[in-house]
Amino acid sequence: MATKAVVAMSGGVDSSVAAALLVQGGFDVTGVMLKLWRGEAENNASGCCNVGAADDARRVADVLGIPFYVLNFAERFEDSVVDDFRRTYAAGRTPNPCVRCNQWIKFDALLERTCALGAEVLATGHYARVARAGEGFRLLRGVDRAKDQSYVLWMLGQEALSRCMFPIGDLDKTETRRIATELGLRTASKPDSQEICFVRNGDLPRYIAQEVPEASIEGPIVDRSGRELGRHQGIGRYTVGQRKGIGISLGRPIYVSSIDARSNSVTIGERAELGVDALVLEETSAVAEELLPGEEVLLQHRAHGEVHAAEIASSGRGRLEIAFRQPAEAIAPGQSAALYSSSKTEELRGGGIIASVVQSATPAAAR
């Protein structure tokens, strides 16, 4: 009897090809799409999670000859991902709703539904790989480093990985589109989704003004010494490392170096002042073995950013303190940090949410 698999289909080319590859592999495949919106979809330009994307996914399922269903997760999405997004901005942090969606919806609620449907496998269109290692599993970067999405999967542990498949993890994006074209799938040339699905028309400043009013209150822009240099229009308009749109000009490049919700202030400085010596992660998760003090890791704090050599300084109660070998730049609390093995650099060890940072006492130019 064929292995039953549920494929999360977003209406994009990646999940379409993931479903096609499982069909070709002899799996008994059912396609599902998650309805995450209430009423009319907020952002039809996001490329996924809207009525048009559902129609694309349904037509792909018809071509592949597999059943397709839309599952309503709107209430759970609103109460978890969207609520977290608003609270994080109000706290002066920078959220990553796609990570939260993976954490609380796709690999939590949907995985539960997959088991309830009697399926053994949940597959998605992520560019990542699962490898068996003895009695357990390892999570590896996708072969296409430019499209690698292991960064947003740091919350997956052994139980989840025992049921998850990423069929396109061994492909590069060009191959994925070629397969879709050869199969006559309507999503073959569809652009990748990039915008936040619940932000209407992708207008984040307007969304913040309407939905997070406490992050839209005018306040001071200060330098590192606390001297006021200007006024901002709300901390929700800024993120650490931001250069454009700060609202003041000093005749030289300036960047947001920190945001303080308690004082409603935005601190700016030159690039040399963006250095971070250490950070604290909360809500931490390990893919396999526990992350322990003394372990050397490679830390990535942006979806497609560079990695930084670091060491786990302390651990306990779902928190990790990470010390960098050399200062890293522009790390925003609220974002995710993914930890990779320093010796097996393709292997994801785990990660967490950045709770706080320790800024370098000495600017980079003076070291």
Protein backbone atom coordinates (compact mmCIF):
# COMPACT_ATOMS: atom_id res chain seq x y z
CA MET A 1 0.00 0.00 0.00
CA ALA A 2 1.31 3.45 -0.95
CA THR A 3 2.46 5.78 1.80
CA LYS A 4 -0.09 8.53 2.43
CA ALA A 5 1.28 12.05 2.21
CA VAL A 6 -0.26 15.47 2.74
CA VAL A 7 1.38 18.28 0.76
CA ALA A 8 0.94 21.88 1.88
CA MET A 9 0.26 23.69 -1.39
CA SER A 10 0.57 27.49 -1.33
CA GLY A 11 -0.27 28.04 -4.98
CA GLY A 12 3.40 28.62 -5.85
CA VAL A 13 5.81 26.67 -8.03
CA ASP A 14 7.82 25.14 -5.16
CA SER A 15 4.94 23.37 -3.43
CA SER A 16 3.48 22.41 -6.82
CA VAL A 17 6.66 20.58 -7.78
CA ALA A 18 6.94 19.06 -4.30
CA ALA A 19 3.50 17.49 -4.83
CA ALA A 20 4.44 16.35 -8.34
CA LEU A 21 7.62 14.64 -7.14
CA LEU A 22 5.73 12.72 -4.46
CA VAL A 23 3.17 11.57 -7.04
CA GLN A 24 6.01 10.40 -9.28
CA GLY A 25 7.53 8.65 -6.27
CA GLY A 26 4.41 6.53 -5.79
CA PHE A 27 2.96 8.27 -2.73
CA ASP A 28 -0.78 8.51 -2.13
CA VAL A 29 -0.88 12.32 -2.18
CA THR A 30 -3.48 14.76 -0.92
CA GLY A 31 -2.96 18.47 -1.48
CA VAL A 32 -4.12 20.98 1.10
CA MET A 33 -4.05 24.73 1.29
CA LEU A 34 -4.33 26.68 4.50
CA LYS A 35 -6.95 29.42 4.53
CA LEU A 36 -5.36 31.99 6.79
CA TRP A 37 -7.57 34.95 6.00
CA ARG A 38 -11.02 35.98 7.14
CA GLY A 39 -13.40 37.23 4.46
CA GLU A 40 -11.52 38.80 1.55
CA ALA A 41 -7.78 38.09 1.48
CA GLU A 42 -5.82 41.11 2.73
CA ASN A 43 -2.93 41.00 0.28
CA ASN A 44 -3.63 39.40 -3.08
CA ALA A 45 -0.21 40.57 -4.29
CA SER A 46 1.63 38.39 -1.76
CA GLY A 47 1.58 35.39 -4.11
CA CYS A 48 0.25 32.94 -1.56
CA CYS A 49 -2.51 32.51 1.01
CA ASN A 50 -5.23 34.16 -1.07
CA VAL A 51 -8.13 33.17 -3.28
CA GLY A 52 -6.09 33.35 -6.50
CA ALA A 53 -3.36 31.16 -5.02
CA ALA A 54 -5.98 28.62 -3.92
CA ASP A 55 -7.27 28.46 -7.49
CA ASP A 56 -3.73 27.92 -8.79
CA ALA A 57 -3.14 25.13 -6.28
CA ARG A 58 -6.45 23.46 -7.12
CA ARG A 59 -5.65 23.46 -10.83
CA VAL A 60 -2.21 22.00 -10.20
CA ALA A 61 -3.84 19.26 -8.13
CA ASP A 62 -6.20 18.55 -11.04
CA VAL A 63 -3.24 18.16 -13.42
CA LEU A 64 -1.53 15.80 -10.96
CA GLY A 65 -4.74 13.85 -10.36
CA ILE A 66 -4.73 14.27 -6.59
CA PRO A 67 -7.49 15.39 -4.22
CA PHE A 68 -7.25 18.95 -2.93
CA TYR A 69 -8.80 20.63 0.10
CA VAL A 70 -8.70 24.06 1.68
CA LEU A 71 -8.36 23.90 5.47
CA ASN A 72 -9.57 26.87 7.50
CA PHE A 73 -6.91 27.95 9.99
CA ALA A 74 -7.91 31.63 9.98
CA GLU A 75 -8.83 31.89 13.66
CA ARG A 76 -5.73 30.08 14.87
CA PHE A 77 -3.54 32.18 12.56
CA GLU A 78 -5.08 35.42 13.81
CA ASP A 79 -4.78 34.43 17.46
CA SER A 80 -1.15 33.31 17.17
CA VAL A 81 0.84 34.68 14.24
CA VAL A 82 -0.95 38.00 13.71
CA ASP A 83 -1.28 38.72 17.42
CA ASP A 84 2.42 37.99 17.94
CA PHE A 85 3.27 40.28 15.01
CA ARG A 86 1.42 43.19 16.60
CA ARG A 87 2.78 42.61 20.09
CA THR A 88 6.35 42.30 18.81
CA TYR A 89 6.20 45.61 16.96
CA ALA A 90 4.63 47.28 20.00
CA ALA A 91 7.61 46.05 22.04
CA GLY A 92 10.08 47.71 19.67
CA ARG A 93 11.18 44.44 18.12
CA THR A 94 11.12 43.16 14.54
CA PRO A 95 8.90 40.08 14.04
CA ASN A 96 9.19 37.37 11.43
CA PRO A 97 5.63 36.13 10.75
CA CYS A 98 6.79 33.42 8.31
CA VAL A 99 8.84 31.79 11.07
CA ARG A 100 5.89 31.99 13.45
CA CYS A 101 3.60 30.50 10.79
CA ASN A 102 5.96 27.55 10.42
CA GLN A 103 6.24 27.21 14.20
CA TRP A 104 2.56 27.42 15.14
CA ILE A 105 0.61 26.60 11.97
CA LYS A 106 2.42 24.53 9.32
CA PHE A 107 4.47 22.28 11.57
CA ASP A 108 2.12 22.30 14.53
CA ALA A 109 -1.55 22.61 13.65
CA LEU A 110 -1.16 21.21 10.14
CA LEU A 111 1.03 18.35 11.33
CA GLU A 112 -1.68 17.47 13.85
CA ARG A 113 -4.27 17.52 11.05
CA THR A 114 -2.02 15.37 8.88
CA CYS A 115 -1.93 12.69 11.55
CA ALA A 116 -5.71 12.96 12.01
CA LEU A 117 -6.16 12.33 8.30
CA GLY A 118 -4.21 9.10 8.60
CA ALA A 119 -1.25 10.34 6.58
CA GLU A 120 2.29 9.38 7.50
CA VAL A 121 4.04 12.28 5.80
CA LEU A 122 3.69 16.07 5.66
CA ALA A 123 5.55 17.60 2.73
CA THR A 124 6.19 21.25 1.93
CA GLY A 125 8.01 23.21 -0.75
CA HIS A 126 10.86 24.38 1.47
CA TYR A 127 14.42 24.28 0.15
CA ALA A 128 15.85 22.13 2.93
CA ARG A 129 16.77 18.46 3.41
CA VAL A 130 16.08 15.80 6.02
CA ALA A 131 18.75 13.10 6.40
CA ARG A 132 18.50 9.99 8.52
CA ALA A 133 21.36 9.61 11.00
CA GLY A 134 21.27 6.33 12.91
CA GLU A 135 17.99 6.26 14.79
CA GLY A 136 17.41 9.97 14.33
CA PHE A 137 17.26 12.73 11.76
CA ARG A 138 19.35 15.71 10.70
CA LEU A 139 18.11 18.89 9.06
CA LEU A 140 20.36 20.22 6.31
CA ARG A 141 20.47 23.28 4.10
CA GLY A 142 18.89 23.05 0.67
CA VAL A 143 21.27 22.32 -2.19
CA ASP A 144 20.44 25.70 -3.75
CA ARG A 145 22.17 27.94 -1.20
CA ALA A 146 20.60 31.05 -2.72
CA LYS A 147 17.12 29.63 -1.98
CA ASP A 148 17.97 27.71 1.20
CA GLN A 149 15.11 27.96 3.73
CA SER A 150 16.51 25.95 6.63
CA TYR A 151 16.81 29.25 8.53
CA VAL A 152 13.02 29.36 9.03
CA LEU A 153 12.86 25.72 10.19
CA TRP A 154 14.97 25.92 13.35
CA MET A 155 11.97 24.94 15.51
CA LEU A 156 11.69 21.42 14.03
CA GLY A 157 12.71 18.59 16.34
CA GLN A 158 12.99 14.84 15.94
CA GLU A 159 9.28 14.05 16.16
CA ALA A 160 8.39 16.56 13.45
CA LEU A 161 11.28 15.53 11.20
CA SER A 162 10.22 11.88 11.42
CA ARG A 163 7.06 12.89 9.53
CA CYS A 164 8.33 15.73 7.31
CA MET A 165 9.60 15.69 3.74
CA PHE A 166 11.05 18.48 1.62
CA PRO A 167 10.97 16.99 -1.89
CA ILE A 168 12.65 19.93 -3.66
CA GLY A 169 15.53 20.27 -1.19
CA ASP A 170 17.92 18.58 -3.61
CA LEU A 171 16.98 20.90 -6.49
CA ASP A 172 17.96 24.40 -7.47
CA LYS A 173 15.25 26.86 -8.43
CA THR A 174 15.98 26.54 -12.15
CA GLU A 175 15.35 22.80 -11.98
CA THR A 176 12.15 23.34 -10.03
CA ARG A 177 10.77 25.66 -12.69
CA ARG A 178 11.92 23.32 -15.47
CA ILE A 179 10.04 20.39 -13.93
CA ALA A 180 6.92 22.52 -13.52
CA THR A 181 7.14 23.61 -17.16
CA GLU A 182 7.59 20.06 -18.42
CA LEU A 183 4.53 18.94 -16.44
CA GLY A 184 2.45 21.83 -17.75
CA LEU A 185 1.80 23.29 -14.30
CA ARG A 186 0.33 26.79 -14.35
CA THR A 187 2.62 27.89 -11.54
CA ALA A 188 5.83 27.24 -13.53
CA SER A 189 6.67 30.92 -14.07
CA LYS A 190 4.81 32.37 -11.11
CA PRO A 191 6.95 34.85 -9.11
CA ASP A 192 7.98 33.93 -5.58
CA SER A 193 5.84 35.35 -2.79
CA GLN A 194 7.70 37.90 -0.69
CA GLU A 195 5.25 40.20 1.06
CA ILE A 196 3.37 39.58 4.31
CA CYS A 197 0.07 37.90 3.47
CA PHE A 198 -2.06 39.74 6.06
CA VAL A 199 -0.75 43.26 5.37
CA ARG A 200 -3.12 44.88 2.88
CA ASN A 201 -1.36 45.81 -0.37
CA GLY A 202 1.98 45.25 1.36
CA ASP A 203 1.70 48.68 3.02
CA LEU A 204 3.40 47.97 6.36
CA PRO A 205 3.51 51.58 7.68
CA ARG A 206 -0.23 51.90 7.14
CA TYR A 207 -0.84 48.53 8.81
CA ILE A 208 1.23 49.54 11.83
CA ALA A 209 -0.61 52.87 12.09
CA GLN A 210 -4.01 51.15 12.01
CA GLU A 211 -3.35 47.94 13.95
CA VAL A 212 -0.51 48.84 16.33
CA PRO A 213 -1.26 52.44 17.36
CA GLU A 214 1.09 52.23 20.35
CA ALA A 215 3.97 51.75 17.87
CA SER A 216 2.90 54.83 15.90
CA ILE A 217 3.44 57.52 18.55
CA GLU A 218 5.97 60.27 17.82
CA GLY A 219 9.15 60.16 19.89
CA PRO A 220 12.82 61.15 20.02
CA ILE A 221 15.61 60.02 17.72
CA VAL A 222 18.80 60.02 19.79
CA ASP A 223 22.47 59.21 19.42
CA ARG A 224 24.31 56.70 21.55
CA SER A 225 24.91 59.31 24.29
CA GLY A 226 21.17 60.04 24.50
CA ARG A 227 21.32 63.43 22.75
CA GLU A 228 18.12 64.12 20.79
CA LEU A 229 18.74 64.65 17.09
CA GLY A 230 15.19 64.65 15.75
CA ARG A 231 11.74 63.06 16.03
CA HIS A 232 10.39 59.80 14.70
CA GLN A 233 6.82 58.96 13.66
CA GLY A 234 6.53 55.71 15.65
CA ILE A 235 8.93 52.91 16.58
CA GLY A 236 6.99 50.50 14.36
CA ARG A 237 8.44 52.24 11.29
CA TYR A 238 12.01 51.25 12.17
CA THR A 239 14.20 48.19 12.50
CA VAL A 240 17.79 47.75 13.62
CA GLY A 241 20.20 48.25 10.74
CA GLN A 242 17.80 50.44 8.77
CA ARG A 243 19.44 53.24 6.79
CA LYS A 244 16.74 54.72 4.55
CA GLY A 245 13.63 56.49 5.73
CA ILE A 246 14.93 57.47 9.17
CA GLY A 247 13.65 61.01 8.70
CA ILE A 248 16.72 63.08 9.55
CA SER A 249 19.92 63.93 7.72
CA LEU A 250 23.31 64.42 9.35
CA GLY A 251 25.37 64.68 6.18
CA ARG A 252 26.74 61.16 6.57
CA PRO A 253 25.29 57.63 6.45
CA ILE A 254 23.40 56.81 9.64
CA TYR A 255 21.65 53.63 10.77
CA VAL A 256 19.17 52.54 13.40
CA SER A 257 21.24 50.86 16.11
CA SER A 258 18.54 50.15 18.72
CA ILE A 259 14.88 50.74 19.58
CA ASP A 260 13.54 51.23 23.11
CA ALA A 261 9.77 50.86 23.50
CA ARG A 262 9.83 52.00 27.14
CA SER A 263 11.22 55.43 26.27
CA ASN A 264 9.66 55.36 22.81
CA SER A 265 13.07 56.27 21.37
CA VAL A 266 15.08 55.26 18.33
CA THR A 267 18.87 55.31 18.64
CA ILE A 268 20.94 55.97 15.53
CA GLY A 269 24.63 55.84 14.77
CA GLU A 270 27.22 55.23 12.12
CA ARG A 271 27.81 51.75 10.76
CA ALA A 272 30.75 51.29 13.11
CA GLU A 273 28.26 51.49 16.00
CA LEU A 274 26.13 48.54 14.84
CA GLY A 275 28.46 45.88 16.25
CA VAL A 276 27.09 43.23 18.62
CA ASP A 277 29.32 41.08 20.84
CA ALA A 278 26.66 38.68 22.15
CA LEU A 279 22.96 37.94 22.17
CA VAL A 280 20.36 36.03 24.14
CA LEU A 281 17.92 33.63 22.48
CA GLU A 282 14.58 32.63 23.95
CA GLU A 283 12.09 29.90 22.92
CA THR A 284 15.10 27.85 21.85
CA SER A 285 14.87 24.51 20.11
CA ALA A 286 17.40 21.85 19.15
CA VAL A 287 17.00 19.69 16.06
CA ALA A 288 18.72 16.70 17.66
CA GLU A 289 21.28 16.81 20.48
CA GLU A 290 20.89 19.45 23.16
CA LEU A 291 22.73 22.73 22.61
CA LEU A 292 25.24 23.05 25.46
CA PRO A 293 27.71 25.66 26.72
CA GLY A 294 31.07 25.48 24.98
CA GLU A 295 29.70 24.32 21.63
CA GLU A 296 30.97 26.29 18.67
CA VAL A 297 28.29 27.24 16.16
CA LEU A 298 27.71 29.34 13.08
CA LEU A 299 24.90 31.82 13.71
CA GLN A 300 22.68 33.23 10.95
CA HIS A 301 20.31 36.06 11.89
CA ARG A 302 18.81 36.87 8.49
CA ALA A 303 17.00 34.60 6.05
CA HIS A 304 19.77 34.75 3.45
CA GLY A 305 22.45 36.48 5.47
CA GLU A 306 26.00 35.46 6.21
CA VAL A 307 26.92 33.26 9.16
CA HIS A 308 29.02 34.34 12.14
CA ALA A 309 31.34 32.16 14.20
CA ALA A 310 30.14 32.03 17.80
CA GLU A 311 30.12 29.96 20.98
CA ILE A 312 27.28 29.00 23.28
CA ALA A 313 28.17 30.75 26.55
CA SER A 314 25.29 29.48 28.69
CA SER A 315 22.02 27.58 28.42
CA GLY A 316 18.97 26.80 30.48
CA ARG A 317 15.19 27.18 30.70
CA GLY A 318 14.73 27.63 26.98
CA ARG A 319 17.38 30.35 26.71
CA LEU A 320 20.84 30.47 25.20
CA GLU A 321 23.50 33.14 25.49
CA ILE A 322 25.68 33.28 22.38
CA ALA A 323 29.06 35.08 22.22
CA PHE A 324 30.48 36.06 18.83
CA ARG A 325 34.12 35.51 17.92
CA GLN A 326 34.02 38.84 16.11
CA PRO A 327 31.24 41.43 16.44
CA ALA A 328 28.26 40.91 14.12
CA GLU A 329 26.32 43.83 12.68
CA ALA A 330 22.73 45.03 12.90
CA ILE A 331 21.01 42.26 14.84
CA ALA A 332 17.34 42.97 15.48
CA PRO A 333 15.59 41.58 18.58
CA GLY A 334 12.43 39.70 17.62
CA GLN A 335 14.03 38.04 14.62
CA SER A 336 15.23 34.45 14.54
CA ALA A 337 18.75 33.16 14.90
CA ALA A 338 19.51 29.79 13.34
CA LEU A 339 22.49 27.85 14.67
CA TYR A 340 24.52 25.64 12.34
CA SER A 341 27.27 23.18 13.16
CA SER A 342 30.74 24.73 12.96
CA SER A 343 32.21 21.47 11.63
CA LYS A 344 29.32 20.28 9.43
CA THR A 345 28.33 23.65 8.09
CA GLU A 346 25.27 22.42 6.17
CA GLU A 347 23.67 21.01 9.33
CA LEU A 348 21.15 23.03 11.31
CA ARG A 349 21.52 22.46 15.04
CA GLY A 350 18.59 24.59 16.23
CA GLY A 351 17.80 28.21 17.00
CA GLY A 352 15.49 30.61 18.75
CA ILE A 353 14.08 34.13 18.91
CA ILE A 354 16.52 36.96 19.59
CA ALA A 355 15.52 38.44 22.96
CA SER A 356 18.32 40.95 23.48
CA VAL A 357 21.79 41.89 22.30
CA VAL A 358 25.00 43.12 23.89
CA GLN A 359 26.30 45.95 21.76
CA SER A 360 30.05 46.33 21.35
CA ALA A 361 31.46 48.83 23.81
CA THR A 362 34.02 50.02 21.29
CA PRO A 363 32.93 51.01 17.77
CA ALA A 364 34.42 48.84 15.03
CA ALA A 365 36.53 51.67 13.60
CA ALA A 366 38.36 52.03 16.92
CA ARG A 367 39.20 48.35 17.44
